[in-house]
Amino acid sequence: MAEHKIYTMKFSSVYPHYVTKAEKKDRTKEEVDKIILWLTGYTEKQLEDHLEKGTDFKNFFAEAPDMNPSREMIKGVICGVRVEDIEEPLMQEIRYMDKLIDELAKGKAMEKILRE
């Protein structure tokens, strides 16, 4: 069975879309970065390194130093599918990130987005 196309896409090709989506709703790149760092455990420097070297989604998540255990509290629908029902682990991680960015763009408070 073939891998999903998104797994081999460069994270750096999607990242600007996350930022644009947030900025259109008066949120910031810093908030997008904070969400990504919270989810993956990367430092700002590590995130920048991955963006510069063009890491694909598969390796971006595989190399994440400390996936946040609170991510399992993320619930809801993204792309017509409930994130908590996604069985493929990598796809679920990607959709968790998508859901968090959506919540940011919808004006949700950072404390709620980061499940604090």
PDB file of N, CA and C in Angstrom:
ATOM      1  N   MET A   1       0.842  -1.180   0.000  1.00  0.00           N
ATOM      2  CA  MET A   1       0.000   0.000   0.000  1.00  0.00           C
ATOM      3  C   MET A   1       0.896   1.256   0.000  1.00  0.00           C
ATOM      4  N   ALA A   2       0.581   2.203  -0.846  1.00  0.00           N
ATOM      5  CA  ALA A   2       1.385   3.413  -0.976  1.00  0.00           C
ATOM      6  C   ALA A   2       1.194   4.341   0.220  1.00  0.00           C
ATOM      7  N   GLU A   3       2.273   5.074   0.551  1.00  0.00           N
ATOM      8  CA  GLU A   3       2.201   6.054   1.628  1.00  0.00           C
ATOM      9  C   GLU A   3       1.362   7.242   1.191  1.00  0.00           C
ATOM     10  N   HIS A   4       0.802   7.916   2.169  1.00  0.00           N
ATOM     11  CA  HIS A   4       0.105   9.163   1.874  1.00  0.00           C
ATOM     12  C   HIS A   4       1.110  10.168   1.324  1.00  0.00           C
ATOM     13  N   LYS A   5       0.687  10.949   0.368  1.00  0.00           N
ATOM     14  CA  LYS A   5       1.558  11.931  -0.271  1.00  0.00           C
ATOM     15  C   LYS A   5       2.121  12.935   0.739  1.00  0.00           C
ATOM     16  N   ILE A   6       1.332  13.297   1.731  1.00  0.00           N
ATOM     17  CA  ILE A   6       1.776  14.313   2.697  1.00  0.00           C
ATOM     18  C   ILE A   6       3.007  13.856   3.482  1.00  0.00           C
ATOM     19  N   TYR A   7       3.191  12.556   3.655  1.00  0.00           N
ATOM     20  CA  TYR A   7       4.331  12.059   4.436  1.00  0.00           C
ATOM     21  C   TYR A   7       5.667  12.468   3.819  1.00  0.00           C
ATOM     22  N   THR A   8       5.712  12.552   2.501  1.00  0.00           N
ATOM     23  CA  THR A   8       6.956  12.891   1.816  1.00  0.00           C
ATOM     24  C   THR A   8       7.042  14.374   1.446  1.00  0.00           C
ATOM     25  N   MET A   9       5.997  15.135   1.758  1.00  0.00           N
ATOM     26  CA  MET A   9       6.032  16.578   1.516  1.00  0.00           C
ATOM     27  C   MET A   9       6.966  17.239   2.518  1.00  0.00           C
ATOM     28  N   LYS A  10       7.652  18.263   2.068  1.00  0.00           N
ATOM     29  CA  LYS A  10       8.527  19.005   2.970  1.00  0.00           C
ATOM     30  C   LYS A  10       7.665  19.793   3.957  1.00  0.00           C
ATOM     31  N   PHE A  11       8.002  19.680   5.228  1.00  0.00           N
ATOM     32  CA  PHE A  11       7.302  20.453   6.248  1.00  0.00           C
ATOM     33  C   PHE A  11       7.417  21.945   5.934  1.00  0.00           C
ATOM     34  N   SER A  12       8.583  22.341   5.415  1.00  0.00           N
ATOM     35  CA  SER A  12       8.819  23.754   5.092  1.00  0.00           C
ATOM     36  C   SER A  12       7.910  24.263   3.973  1.00  0.00           C
ATOM     37  N   SER A  13       7.320  23.369   3.177  1.00  0.00           N
ATOM     38  CA  SER A  13       6.403  23.819   2.125  1.00  0.00           C
ATOM     39  C   SER A  13       4.995  24.075   2.678  1.00  0.00           C
ATOM     40  N   VAL A  14       4.669  23.501   3.819  1.00  0.00           N
ATOM     41  CA  VAL A  14       3.345  23.675   4.428  1.00  0.00           C
ATOM     42  C   VAL A  14       3.381  24.731   5.531  1.00  0.00           C
ATOM     43  N   TYR A  15       4.505  24.830   6.208  1.00  0.00           N
ATOM     44  CA  TYR A  15       4.658  25.773   7.320  1.00  0.00           C
ATOM     45  C   TYR A  15       4.192  27.196   6.982  1.00  0.00           C
ATOM     46  N   PRO A  16       4.595  27.768   5.825  1.00  0.00           N
ATOM     47  CA  PRO A  16       4.139  29.135   5.517  1.00  0.00           C
ATOM     48  C   PRO A  16       2.610  29.237   5.443  1.00  0.00           C
ATOM     49  N   HIS A  17       1.956  28.162   5.062  1.00  0.00           N
ATOM     50  CA  HIS A  17       0.485  28.173   5.003  1.00  0.00           C
ATOM     51  C   HIS A  17      -0.118  28.223   6.411  1.00  0.00           C
ATOM     52  N   TYR A  18       0.521  27.539   7.351  1.00  0.00           N
ATOM     53  CA  TYR A  18       0.085  27.625   8.750  1.00  0.00           C
ATOM     54  C   TYR A  18       0.194  29.072   9.230  1.00  0.00           C
ATOM     55  N   VAL A  19       1.326  29.699   8.930  1.00  0.00           N
ATOM     56  CA  VAL A  19       1.564  31.072   9.369  1.00  0.00           C
ATOM     57  C   VAL A  19       0.565  32.022   8.704  1.00  0.00           C
ATOM     58  N   THR A  20       0.371  31.882   7.408  1.00  0.00           N
ATOM     59  CA  THR A  20      -0.573  32.738   6.680  1.00  0.00           C
ATOM     60  C   THR A  20      -1.985  32.587   7.229  1.00  0.00           C
ATOM     61  N   LYS A  21      -2.394  31.355   7.491  1.00  0.00           N
ATOM     62  CA  LYS A  21      -3.729  31.106   8.033  1.00  0.00           C
ATOM     63  C   LYS A  21      -3.904  31.830   9.366  1.00  0.00           C
ATOM     64  N   ALA A  22      -2.892  31.765  10.211  1.00  0.00           N
ATOM     65  CA  ALA A  22      -2.949  32.429  11.517  1.00  0.00           C
ATOM     66  C   ALA A  22      -2.954  33.950  11.358  1.00  0.00           C
ATOM     67  N   GLU A  23      -2.059  34.467  10.514  1.00  0.00           N
ATOM     68  CA  GLU A  23      -1.937  35.920  10.364  1.00  0.00           C
ATOM     69  C   GLU A  23      -3.179  36.548   9.748  1.00  0.00           C
ATOM     70  N   LYS A  24      -3.888  35.807   8.904  1.00  0.00           N
ATOM     71  CA  LYS A  24      -5.141  36.325   8.331  1.00  0.00           C
ATOM     72  C   LYS A  24      -6.184  36.573   9.420  1.00  0.00           C
ATOM     73  N   LYS A  25      -6.023  35.902  10.543  1.00  0.00           N
ATOM     74  CA  LYS A  25      -6.965  36.042  11.656  1.00  0.00           C
ATOM     75  C   LYS A  25      -6.336  36.800  12.824  1.00  0.00           C
ATOM     76  N   ASP A  26      -5.351  37.650  12.499  1.00  0.00           N
ATOM     77  CA  ASP A  26      -4.681  38.494  13.493  1.00  0.00           C
ATOM     78  C   ASP A  26      -3.957  37.715  14.581  1.00  0.00           C
ATOM     79  N   ARG A  27      -3.448  36.538  14.224  1.00  0.00           N
ATOM     80  CA  ARG A  27      -2.577  35.786  15.132  1.00  0.00           C
ATOM     81  C   ARG A  27      -1.167  35.903  14.574  1.00  0.00           C
ATOM     82  N   THR A  28      -0.178  35.330  15.249  1.00  0.00           N
ATOM     83  CA  THR A  28       1.214  35.577  14.848  1.00  0.00           C
ATOM     84  C   THR A  28       1.979  34.300  14.513  1.00  0.00           C
ATOM     85  N   LYS A  29       3.089  34.495  13.803  1.00  0.00           N
ATOM     86  CA  LYS A  29       4.021  33.411  13.510  1.00  0.00           C
ATOM     87  C   LYS A  29       4.549  32.829  14.819  1.00  0.00           C
ATOM     88  N   GLU A  30       4.789  33.690  15.802  1.00  0.00           N
ATOM     89  CA  GLU A  30       5.290  33.239  17.101  1.00  0.00           C
ATOM     90  C   GLU A  30       4.306  32.276  17.767  1.00  0.00           C
ATOM     91  N   GLU A  31       3.017  32.545  17.613  1.00  0.00           N
ATOM     92  CA  GLU A  31       2.009  31.647  18.178  1.00  0.00           C
ATOM     93  C   GLU A  31       1.993  30.303  17.444  1.00  0.00           C
ATOM     94  N   VAL A  32       2.153  30.346  16.121  1.00  0.00           N
ATOM     95  CA  VAL A  32       2.240  29.107  15.338  1.00  0.00           C
ATOM     96  C   VAL A  32       3.444  28.296  15.825  1.00  0.00           C
ATOM     97  N   ASP A  33       4.588  28.961  15.967  1.00  0.00           N
ATOM     98  CA  ASP A  33       5.801  28.282  16.431  1.00  0.00           C
ATOM     99  C   ASP A  33       5.601  27.697  17.830  1.00  0.00           C
ATOM    100  N   LYS A  34       4.966  28.452  18.697  1.00  0.00           N
ATOM    101  CA  LYS A  34       4.726  27.974  20.061  1.00  0.00           C
ATOM    102  C   LYS A  34       3.904  26.685  20.052  1.00  0.00           C
ATOM    103  N   ILE A  35       2.913  26.627  19.188  1.00  0.00           N
ATOM    104  CA  ILE A  35       2.083  25.422  19.054  1.00  0.00           C
ATOM    105  C   ILE A  35       2.929  24.245  18.570  1.00  0.00           C
ATOM    106  N   ILE A  36       3.726  24.474  17.547  1.00  0.00           N
ATOM    107  CA  ILE A  36       4.562  23.401  16.989  1.00  0.00           C
ATOM    108  C   ILE A  36       5.573  22.909  18.031  1.00  0.00           C
ATOM    109  N   LEU A  37       6.189  23.837  18.751  1.00  0.00           N
ATOM    110  CA  LEU A  37       7.170  23.462  19.776  1.00  0.00           C
ATOM    111  C   LEU A  37       6.483  22.699  20.912  1.00  0.00           C
ATOM    112  N   TRP A  38       5.293  23.136  21.301  1.00  0.00           N
ATOM    113  CA  TRP A  38       4.533  22.454  22.360  1.00  0.00           C
ATOM    114  C   TRP A  38       4.212  21.020  21.936  1.00  0.00           C
ATOM    115  N   LEU A  39       3.778  20.865  20.688  1.00  0.00           N
ATOM    116  CA  LEU A  39       3.365  19.547  20.198  1.00  0.00           C
ATOM    117  C   LEU A  39       4.540  18.582  20.061  1.00  0.00           C
ATOM    118  N   THR A  40       5.670  19.078  19.548  1.00  0.00           N
ATOM    119  CA  THR A  40       6.778  18.190  19.161  1.00  0.00           C
ATOM    120  C   THR A  40       7.937  18.122  20.152  1.00  0.00           C
ATOM    121  N   GLY A  41       8.086  19.139  20.978  1.00  0.00           N
ATOM    122  CA  GLY A  41       9.231  19.190  21.881  1.00  0.00           C
ATOM    123  C   GLY A  41      10.480  19.779  21.248  1.00  0.00           C
ATOM    124  N   TYR A  42      10.385  20.227  19.997  1.00  0.00           N
ATOM    125  CA  TYR A  42      11.526  20.883  19.359  1.00  0.00           C
ATOM    126  C   TYR A  42      11.819  22.212  20.047  1.00  0.00           C
ATOM    127  N   THR A  43      13.077  22.658  19.943  1.00  0.00           N
ATOM    128  CA  THR A  43      13.437  24.016  20.329  1.00  0.00           C
ATOM    129  C   THR A  43      13.234  24.902  19.099  1.00  0.00           C
ATOM    130  N   GLU A  44      13.284  26.218  19.294  1.00  0.00           N
ATOM    131  CA  GLU A  44      13.161  27.127  18.150  1.00  0.00           C
ATOM    132  C   GLU A  44      14.262  26.857  17.135  1.00  0.00           C
ATOM    133  N   LYS A  45      15.468  26.630  17.621  1.00  0.00           N
ATOM    134  CA  LYS A  45      16.616  26.367  16.731  1.00  0.00           C
ATOM    135  C   LYS A  45      16.394  25.072  15.937  1.00  0.00           C
ATOM    136  N   GLN A  46      15.921  24.030  16.605  1.00  0.00           N
ATOM    137  CA  GLN A  46      15.667  22.764  15.914  1.00  0.00           C
ATOM    138  C   GLN A  46      14.584  22.929  14.851  1.00  0.00           C
ATOM    139  N   LEU A  47      13.536  23.686  15.168  1.00  0.00           N
ATOM    140  CA  LEU A  47      12.470  23.942  14.189  1.00  0.00           C
ATOM    141  C   LEU A  47      13.051  24.662  12.981  1.00  0.00           C
ATOM    142  N   GLU A  48      13.835  25.711  13.218  1.00  0.00           N
ATOM    143  CA  GLU A  48      14.460  26.443  12.115  1.00  0.00           C
ATOM    144  C   GLU A  48      15.347  25.531  11.272  1.00  0.00           C
ATOM    145  N   ASP A  49      16.111  24.660  11.926  1.00  0.00           N
ATOM    146  CA  ASP A  49      16.978  23.724  11.194  1.00  0.00           C
ATOM    147  C   ASP A  49      16.164  22.822  10.276  1.00  0.00           C
ATOM    148  N   HIS A  50      15.050  22.302  10.766  1.00  0.00           N
ATOM    149  CA  HIS A  50      14.202  21.435   9.940  1.00  0.00           C
ATOM    150  C   HIS A  50      13.598  22.206   8.770  1.00  0.00           C
ATOM    151  N   LEU A  51      13.208  23.443   9.011  1.00  0.00           N
ATOM    152  CA  LEU A  51      12.662  24.267   7.933  1.00  0.00           C
ATOM    153  C   LEU A  51      13.723  24.527   6.873  1.00  0.00           C
ATOM    154  N   GLU A  52      14.950  24.800   7.311  1.00  0.00           N
ATOM    155  CA  GLU A  52      16.040  25.084   6.374  1.00  0.00           C
ATOM    156  C   GLU A  52      16.462  23.867   5.564  1.00  0.00           C
ATOM    157  N   LYS A  53      16.503  22.706   6.201  1.00  0.00           N
ATOM    158  CA  LYS A  53      16.983  21.524   5.464  1.00  0.00           C
ATOM    159  C   LYS A  53      15.874  20.806   4.689  1.00  0.00           C
ATOM    160  N   GLY A  54      14.640  21.248   4.832  1.00  0.00           N
ATOM    161  CA  GLY A  54      13.556  20.675   4.032  1.00  0.00           C
ATOM    162  C   GLY A  54      13.114  19.293   4.477  1.00  0.00           C
ATOM    163  N   THR A  55      13.087  19.060   5.770  1.00  0.00           N
ATOM    164  CA  THR A  55      12.659  17.773   6.324  1.00  0.00           C
ATOM    165  C   THR A  55      11.222  17.471   5.908  1.00  0.00           C
ATOM    166  N   ASP A  56      10.970  16.217   5.516  1.00  0.00           N
ATOM    167  CA  ASP A  56       9.601  15.846   5.171  1.00  0.00           C
ATOM    168  C   ASP A  56       8.793  15.580   6.451  1.00  0.00           C
ATOM    169  N   PHE A  57       7.466  15.512   6.308  1.00  0.00           N
ATOM    170  CA  PHE A  57       6.602  15.315   7.472  1.00  0.00           C
ATOM    171  C   PHE A  57       6.946  14.028   8.226  1.00  0.00           C
ATOM    172  N   LYS A  58       7.224  12.966   7.485  1.00  0.00           N
ATOM    173  CA  LYS A  58       7.523  11.686   8.125  1.00  0.00           C
ATOM    174  C   LYS A  58       8.702  11.819   9.090  1.00  0.00           C
ATOM    175  N   ASN A  59       9.785  12.419   8.626  1.00  0.00           N
ATOM    176  CA  ASN A  59      10.966  12.570   9.467  1.00  0.00           C
ATOM    177  C   ASN A  59      10.823  13.689  10.492  1.00  0.00           C
ATOM    178  N   PHE A  60      10.039  14.716  10.156  1.00  0.00           N
ATOM    179  CA  PHE A  60       9.803  15.798  11.110  1.00  0.00           C
ATOM    180  C   PHE A  60       9.191  15.236  12.394  1.00  0.00           C
ATOM    181  N   PHE A  61       8.205  14.357  12.245  1.00  0.00           N
ATOM    182  CA  PHE A  61       7.575  13.770  13.426  1.00  0.00           C
ATOM    183  C   PHE A  61       8.411  12.626  14.009  1.00  0.00           C
ATOM    184  N   ALA A  62       9.087  11.864  13.166  1.00  0.00           N
ATOM    185  CA  ALA A  62       9.919  10.760  13.659  1.00  0.00           C
ATOM    186  C   ALA A  62      11.071  11.278  14.522  1.00  0.00           C
ATOM    187  N   GLU A  63      11.597  12.446  14.181  1.00  0.00           N
ATOM    188  CA  GLU A  63      12.728  13.014  14.899  1.00  0.00           C
ATOM    189  C   GLU A  63      12.324  13.934  16.049  1.00  0.00           C
ATOM    190  N   ALA A  64      11.025  14.134  16.231  1.00  0.00           N
ATOM    191  CA  ALA A  64      10.559  15.021  17.305  1.00  0.00           C
ATOM    192  C   ALA A  64      11.068  14.502  18.649  1.00  0.00           C
ATOM    193  N   PRO A  65      11.709  15.372  19.416  1.00  0.00           N
ATOM    194  CA  PRO A  65      12.341  14.911  20.651  1.00  0.00           C
ATOM    195  C   PRO A  65      11.376  14.514  21.770  1.00  0.00           C
ATOM    196  N   ASP A  66      10.193  15.109  21.811  1.00  0.00           N
ATOM    197  CA  ASP A  66       9.315  14.843  22.947  1.00  0.00           C
ATOM    198  C   ASP A  66       7.876  15.207  22.603  1.00  0.00           C
ATOM    199  N   MET A  67       7.183  14.301  21.917  1.00  0.00           N
ATOM    200  CA  MET A  67       5.792  14.572  21.573  1.00  0.00           C
ATOM    201  C   MET A  67       5.002  14.764  22.870  1.00  0.00           C
ATOM    202  N   ASN A  68       4.242  15.840  22.919  1.00  0.00           N
ATOM    203  CA  ASN A  68       3.523  16.202  24.136  1.00  0.00           C
ATOM    204  C   ASN A  68       2.422  15.184  24.440  1.00  0.00           C
ATOM    205  N   PRO A  69       2.446  14.563  25.617  1.00  0.00           N
ATOM    206  CA  PRO A  69       1.413  13.584  25.951  1.00  0.00           C
ATOM    207  C   PRO A  69       0.011  14.193  26.021  1.00  0.00           C
ATOM    208  N   SER A  70      -0.081  15.492  26.243  1.00  0.00           N
ATOM    209  CA  SER A  70      -1.391  16.155  26.295  1.00  0.00           C
ATOM    210  C   SER A  70      -2.044  16.261  24.923  1.00  0.00           C
ATOM    211  N   ARG A  71      -1.314  15.918  23.867  1.00  0.00           N
ATOM    212  CA  ARG A  71      -1.896  15.991  22.517  1.00  0.00           C
ATOM    213  C   ARG A  71      -3.085  15.052  22.386  1.00  0.00           C
ATOM    214  N   GLU A  72      -3.127  14.023  23.214  1.00  0.00           N
ATOM    215  CA  GLU A  72      -4.246  13.082  23.144  1.00  0.00           C
ATOM    216  C   GLU A  72      -5.546  13.712  23.619  1.00  0.00           C
ATOM    217  N   MET A  73      -5.462  14.903  24.209  1.00  0.00           N
ATOM    218  CA  MET A  73      -6.654  15.645  24.609  1.00  0.00           C
ATOM    219  C   MET A  73      -7.264  16.412  23.443  1.00  0.00           C
ATOM    220  N   ILE A  74      -6.559  16.444  22.312  1.00  0.00           N
ATOM    221  CA  ILE A  74      -7.054  17.160  21.134  1.00  0.00           C
ATOM    222  C   ILE A  74      -8.176  16.341  20.515  1.00  0.00           C
ATOM    223  N   LYS A  75      -9.323  16.959  20.412  1.00  0.00           N
ATOM    224  CA  LYS A  75     -10.510  16.292  19.859  1.00  0.00           C
ATOM    225  C   LYS A  75     -11.109  17.197  18.793  1.00  0.00           C
ATOM    226  N   GLY A  76     -11.913  16.613  17.946  1.00  0.00           N
ATOM    227  CA  GLY A  76     -12.625  17.415  16.964  1.00  0.00           C
ATOM    228  C   GLY A  76     -12.403  16.919  15.551  1.00  0.00           C
ATOM    229  N   VAL A  77     -12.977  17.670  14.618  1.00  0.00           N
ATOM    230  CA  VAL A  77     -12.976  17.273  13.211  1.00  0.00           C
ATOM    231  C   VAL A  77     -12.011  18.152  12.431  1.00  0.00           C
ATOM    232  N   ILE A  78     -11.221  17.496  11.600  1.00  0.00           N
ATOM    233  CA  ILE A  78     -10.337  18.198  10.664  1.00  0.00           C
ATOM    234  C   ILE A  78     -10.415  17.435   9.345  1.00  0.00           C
ATOM    235  N   CYS A  79     -10.644  18.147   8.271  1.00  0.00           N
ATOM    236  CA  CYS A  79     -10.792  17.528   6.940  1.00  0.00           C
ATOM    237  C   CYS A  79     -11.892  16.460   6.955  1.00  0.00           C
ATOM    238  N   GLY A  80     -12.951  16.701   7.730  1.00  0.00           N
ATOM    239  CA  GLY A  80     -14.089  15.794   7.771  1.00  0.00           C
ATOM    240  C   GLY A  80     -13.885  14.527   8.581  1.00  0.00           C
ATOM    241  N   VAL A  81     -12.778  14.429   9.301  1.00  0.00           N
ATOM    242  CA  VAL A  81     -12.475  13.228  10.075  1.00  0.00           C
ATOM    243  C   VAL A  81     -12.183  13.624  11.520  1.00  0.00           C
ATOM    244  N   ARG A  82     -12.692  12.859  12.468  1.00  0.00           N
ATOM    245  CA  ARG A  82     -12.410  13.108  13.878  1.00  0.00           C
ATOM    246  C   ARG A  82     -10.957  12.717  14.159  1.00  0.00           C
ATOM    247  N   VAL A  83     -10.159  13.658  14.671  1.00  0.00           N
ATOM    248  CA  VAL A  83      -8.736  13.384  14.894  1.00  0.00           C
ATOM    249  C   VAL A  83      -8.518  12.239  15.871  1.00  0.00           C
ATOM    250  N   GLU A  84      -9.392  12.108  16.845  1.00  0.00           N
ATOM    251  CA  GLU A  84      -9.222  11.044  17.835  1.00  0.00           C
ATOM    252  C   GLU A  84      -9.508   9.649  17.265  1.00  0.00           C
ATOM    253  N   ASP A  85     -10.136   9.590  16.081  1.00  0.00           N
ATOM    254  CA  ASP A  85     -10.468   8.305  15.454  1.00  0.00           C
ATOM    255  C   ASP A  85      -9.477   7.874  14.373  1.00  0.00           C
ATOM    256  N   ILE A  86      -8.494   8.709  14.081  1.00  0.00           N
ATOM    257  CA  ILE A  86      -7.509   8.377  13.042  1.00  0.00           C
ATOM    258  C   ILE A  86      -6.608   7.264  13.572  1.00  0.00           C
ATOM    259  N   GLU A  87      -6.557   6.159  12.841  1.00  0.00           N
ATOM    260  CA  GLU A  87      -5.816   4.989  13.308  1.00  0.00           C
ATOM    261  C   GLU A  87      -4.335   5.016  12.942  1.00  0.00           C
ATOM    262  N   GLU A  88      -3.985   5.650  11.836  1.00  0.00           N
ATOM    263  CA  GLU A  88      -2.587   5.676  11.398  1.00  0.00           C
ATOM    264  C   GLU A  88      -1.847   6.726  12.224  1.00  0.00           C
ATOM    265  N   PRO A  89      -0.860   6.334  13.024  1.00  0.00           N
ATOM    266  CA  PRO A  89      -0.208   7.257  13.963  1.00  0.00           C
ATOM    267  C   PRO A  89       0.376   8.525  13.348  1.00  0.00           C
ATOM    268  N   LEU A  90       1.083   8.414  12.236  1.00  0.00           N
ATOM    269  CA  LEU A  90       1.684   9.597  11.631  1.00  0.00           C
ATOM    270  C   LEU A  90       0.611  10.560  11.137  1.00  0.00           C
ATOM    271  N   MET A  91      -0.422  10.039  10.493  1.00  0.00           N
ATOM    272  CA  MET A  91      -1.506  10.895  10.011  1.00  0.00           C
ATOM    273  C   MET A  91      -2.179  11.588  11.193  1.00  0.00           C
ATOM    274  N   GLN A  92      -2.331  10.884  12.305  1.00  0.00           N
ATOM    275  CA  GLN A  92      -2.948  11.489  13.475  1.00  0.00           C
ATOM    276  C   GLN A  92      -2.089  12.645  13.997  1.00  0.00           C
ATOM    277  N   GLU A  93      -0.773  12.480  14.027  1.00  0.00           N
ATOM    278  CA  GLU A  93       0.110  13.557  14.484  1.00  0.00           C
ATOM    279  C   GLU A  93      -0.024  14.788  13.582  1.00  0.00           C
ATOM    280  N   ILE A  94      -0.058  14.549  12.277  1.00  0.00           N
ATOM    281  CA  ILE A  94      -0.197  15.655  11.318  1.00  0.00           C
ATOM    282  C   ILE A  94      -1.526  16.363  11.538  1.00  0.00           C
ATOM    283  N   ARG A  95      -2.578  15.603  11.726  1.00  0.00           N
ATOM    284  CA  ARG A  95      -3.913  16.194  11.920  1.00  0.00           C
ATOM    285  C   ARG A  95      -4.043  16.883  13.272  1.00  0.00           C
ATOM    286  N   TYR A  96      -3.321  16.398  14.284  1.00  0.00           N
ATOM    287  CA  TYR A  96      -3.282  17.124  15.557  1.00  0.00           C
ATOM    288  C   TYR A  96      -2.752  18.535  15.311  1.00  0.00           C
ATOM    289  N   MET A  97      -1.656  18.628  14.553  1.00  0.00           N
ATOM    290  CA  MET A  97      -1.074  19.941  14.278  1.00  0.00           C
ATOM    291  C   MET A  97      -2.057  20.808  13.493  1.00  0.00           C
ATOM    292  N   ASP A  98      -2.687  20.221  12.488  1.00  0.00           N
ATOM    293  CA  ASP A  98      -3.679  20.966  11.702  1.00  0.00           C
ATOM    294  C   ASP A  98      -4.796  21.501  12.596  1.00  0.00           C
ATOM    295  N   LYS A  99      -5.266  20.665  13.504  1.00  0.00           N
ATOM    296  CA  LYS A  99      -6.358  21.052  14.398  1.00  0.00           C
ATOM    297  C   LYS A  99      -5.935  22.200  15.303  1.00  0.00           C
ATOM    298  N   LEU A 100      -4.720  22.143  15.837  1.00  0.00           N
ATOM    299  CA  LEU A 100      -4.232  23.217  16.700  1.00  0.00           C
ATOM    300  C   LEU A 100      -4.125  24.539  15.942  1.00  0.00           C
ATOM    301  N   ILE A 101      -3.643  24.488  14.711  1.00  0.00           N
ATOM    302  CA  ILE A 101      -3.535  25.704  13.896  1.00  0.00           C
ATOM    303  C   ILE A 101      -4.929  26.238  13.581  1.00  0.00           C
ATOM    304  N   ASP A 102      -5.881  25.354  13.315  1.00  0.00           N
ATOM    305  CA  ASP A 102      -7.273  25.776  13.096  1.00  0.00           C
ATOM    306  C   ASP A 102      -7.828  26.488  14.325  1.00  0.00           C
ATOM    307  N   GLU A 103      -7.572  25.919  15.492  1.00  0.00           N
ATOM    308  CA  GLU A 103      -8.059  26.532  16.731  1.00  0.00           C
ATOM    309  C   GLU A 103      -7.455  27.926  16.908  1.00  0.00           C
ATOM    310  N   LEU A 104      -6.173  28.076  16.576  1.00  0.00           N
ATOM    311  CA  LEU A 104      -5.522  29.375  16.654  1.00  0.00           C
ATOM    312  C   LEU A 104      -6.218  30.364  15.720  1.00  0.00           C
ATOM    313  N   ALA A 105      -6.446  29.950  14.486  1.00  0.00           N
ATOM    314  CA  ALA A 105      -7.070  30.824  13.488  1.00  0.00           C
ATOM    315  C   ALA A 105      -8.519  31.170  13.855  1.00  0.00           C
ATOM    316  N   LYS A 106      -9.144  30.327  14.637  1.00  0.00           N
ATOM    317  CA  LYS A 106     -10.531  30.597  15.048  1.00  0.00           C
ATOM    318  C   LYS A 106     -10.597  31.464  16.297  1.00  0.00           C
ATOM    319  N   GLY A 107      -9.436  31.907  16.791  1.00  0.00           N
ATOM    320  CA  GLY A 107      -9.407  32.841  17.896  1.00  0.00           C
ATOM    321  C   GLY A 107      -9.391  32.237  19.283  1.00  0.00           C
ATOM    322  N   LYS A 108      -9.197  30.948  19.369  1.00  0.00           N
ATOM    323  CA  LYS A 108      -9.148  30.293  20.671  1.00  0.00           C
ATOM    324  C   LYS A 108      -7.934  30.789  21.466  1.00  0.00           C
ATOM    325  N   ALA A 109      -8.074  30.904  22.767  1.00  0.00           N
ATOM    326  CA  ALA A 109      -6.976  31.350  23.629  1.00  0.00           C
ATOM    327  C   ALA A 109      -5.856  30.311  23.633  1.00  0.00           C
ATOM    328  N   MET A 110      -4.615  30.780  23.695  1.00  0.00           N
ATOM    329  CA  MET A 110      -3.457  29.882  23.671  1.00  0.00           C
ATOM    330  C   MET A 110      -3.510  28.859  24.803  1.00  0.00           C
ATOM    331  N   GLU A 111      -3.971  29.257  25.983  1.00  0.00           N
ATOM    332  CA  GLU A 111      -4.042  28.315  27.112  1.00  0.00           C
ATOM    333  C   GLU A 111      -4.943  27.117  26.770  1.00  0.00           C
ATOM    334  N   LYS A 112      -6.025  27.403  26.053  1.00  0.00           N
ATOM    335  CA  LYS A 112      -6.938  26.317  25.682  1.00  0.00           C
ATOM    336  C   LYS A 112      -6.354  25.473  24.557  1.00  0.00           C
ATOM    337  N   ILE A 113      -5.703  26.136  23.607  1.00  0.00           N
ATOM    338  CA  ILE A 113      -5.079  25.401  22.494  1.00  0.00           C
ATOM    339  C   ILE A 113      -4.021  24.442  23.032  1.00  0.00           C
ATOM    340  N   LEU A 114      -3.236  24.925  24.001  1.00  0.00           N
ATOM    341  CA  LEU A 114      -2.150  24.111  24.557  1.00  0.00           C
ATOM    342  C   LEU A 114      -2.619  23.225  25.707  1.00  0.00           C
ATOM    343  N   ARG A 115      -3.922  23.110  25.851  1.00  0.00           N
ATOM    344  CA  ARG A 115      -4.537  22.204  26.830  1.00  0.00           C
ATOM    345  C   ARG A 115      -3.984  22.418  28.243  1.00  0.00           C
ATOM    346  N   GLU A 116      -3.866  23.692  28.630  1.00  0.00           N
ATOM    347  CA  GLU A 116      -3.339  24.019  29.980  1.00  0.00           C
ATOM    348  C   GLU A 116      -4.472  24.149  30.974  1.00  0.00           C
TER     349      GLU A 116
END
